[in-house]
Amino acid sequence: MSDIQLKSEIESLVKTSGYEPSKAMLCSVVRVITMRHRDVSQKRIFAVAKEKLC
């Protein structure tokens, strides 16, 4: 899975949640994406989510 796909999925997740993107949701977003895509490393998901949310 590419970084662009991860960014797109994170944007979609945040948009459907109804919350404003913030640093506080970083852990929750990483957890959800990790559960959906077990083949992608958690470090990579964290790096992309941190770039997108912070």
C-alpha atoms as a PDB file:
ATOM      1  CA  MET A   1       0.000   0.000   0.000  1.00  0.00           C
ATOM      2  CA  SER A   2       1.442   3.351  -0.997  1.00  0.00           C
ATOM      3  CA  ASP A   3       1.648   6.462   1.145  1.00  0.00           C
ATOM      4  CA  ILE A   4      -0.894   8.172  -1.100  1.00  0.00           C
ATOM      5  CA  GLN A   5      -3.405   5.405  -0.450  1.00  0.00           C
ATOM      6  CA  LEU A   6      -2.747   5.626   3.299  1.00  0.00           C
ATOM      7  CA  LYS A   7      -3.241   9.410   3.246  1.00  0.00           C
ATOM      8  CA  SER A   8      -6.464   8.987   1.309  1.00  0.00           C
ATOM      9  CA  GLU A   9      -7.800   6.411   3.748  1.00  0.00           C
ATOM     10  CA  ILE A  10      -6.844   8.579   6.747  1.00  0.00           C
ATOM     11  CA  GLU A  11      -8.608  11.588   5.194  1.00  0.00           C
ATOM     12  CA  SER A  12     -11.693   9.467   4.556  1.00  0.00           C
ATOM     13  CA  LEU A  13     -11.675   8.109   8.113  1.00  0.00           C
ATOM     14  CA  VAL A  14     -11.380  11.585   9.632  1.00  0.00           C
ATOM     15  CA  LYS A  15     -14.062  12.987   7.330  1.00  0.00           C
ATOM     16  CA  THR A  16     -16.569  10.269   8.188  1.00  0.00           C
ATOM     17  CA  SER A  17     -15.826  10.582  11.914  1.00  0.00           C
ATOM     18  CA  GLY A  18     -17.182  14.119  11.995  1.00  0.00           C
ATOM     19  CA  TYR A  19     -14.300  15.423  14.105  1.00  0.00           C
ATOM     20  CA  GLU A  20     -11.751  18.044  13.183  1.00  0.00           C
ATOM     21  CA  PRO A  21      -8.312  16.572  12.425  1.00  0.00           C
ATOM     22  CA  SER A  22      -6.082  16.942  15.481  1.00  0.00           C
ATOM     23  CA  LYS A  23      -3.035  15.473  17.136  1.00  0.00           C
ATOM     24  CA  ALA A  24      -5.277  13.862  19.774  1.00  0.00           C
ATOM     25  CA  MET A  25      -6.803  11.432  17.260  1.00  0.00           C
ATOM     26  CA  LEU A  26      -3.430  10.148  16.065  1.00  0.00           C
ATOM     27  CA  CYS A  27      -3.438   6.990  18.206  1.00  0.00           C
ATOM     28  CA  SER A  28      -7.024   6.089  17.326  1.00  0.00           C
ATOM     29  CA  VAL A  29      -6.483   6.573  13.599  1.00  0.00           C
ATOM     30  CA  VAL A  30      -3.312   4.464  13.650  1.00  0.00           C
ATOM     31  CA  ARG A  31      -5.152   1.719  15.532  1.00  0.00           C
ATOM     32  CA  VAL A  32      -8.042   1.614  13.050  1.00  0.00           C
ATOM     33  CA  ILE A  33      -5.799   1.633   9.979  1.00  0.00           C
ATOM     34  CA  THR A  34      -3.583  -1.063  11.534  1.00  0.00           C
ATOM     35  CA  MET A  35      -6.623  -3.283  12.086  1.00  0.00           C
ATOM     36  CA  ARG A  36      -7.767  -2.782   8.492  1.00  0.00           C
ATOM     37  CA  HIS A  37      -4.343  -3.365   6.928  1.00  0.00           C
ATOM     38  CA  ARG A  38      -2.313  -5.827   8.933  1.00  0.00           C
ATOM     39  CA  ASP A  39       0.232  -6.185   6.117  1.00  0.00           C
ATOM     40  CA  VAL A  40       1.407  -2.552   6.463  1.00  0.00           C
ATOM     41  CA  SER A  41       3.870  -1.801   9.257  1.00  0.00           C
ATOM     42  CA  GLN A  42       2.575   0.239  12.160  1.00  0.00           C
ATOM     43  CA  LYS A  43       5.615   2.548  11.994  1.00  0.00           C
ATOM     44  CA  ARG A  44       4.770   3.480   8.419  1.00  0.00           C
ATOM     45  CA  ILE A  45       1.111   4.084   9.240  1.00  0.00           C
ATOM     46  CA  PHE A  46       2.131   6.206  12.222  1.00  0.00           C
ATOM     47  CA  ALA A  47       4.506   8.318  10.102  1.00  0.00           C
ATOM     48  CA  VAL A  48       1.866   9.001   7.450  1.00  0.00           C
ATOM     49  CA  ALA A  49      -0.853   9.718  10.009  1.00  0.00           C
ATOM     50  CA  LYS A  50       1.415  12.037  11.966  1.00  0.00           C
ATOM     51  CA  GLU A  51       2.232  13.957   8.797  1.00  0.00           C
ATOM     52  CA  LYS A  52      -1.457  14.240   7.938  1.00  0.00           C
ATOM     53  CA  LEU A  53      -2.890  15.066  11.387  1.00  0.00           C
ATOM     54  CA  CYS A  54      -0.189  17.185  13.030  1.00  0.00           C
END
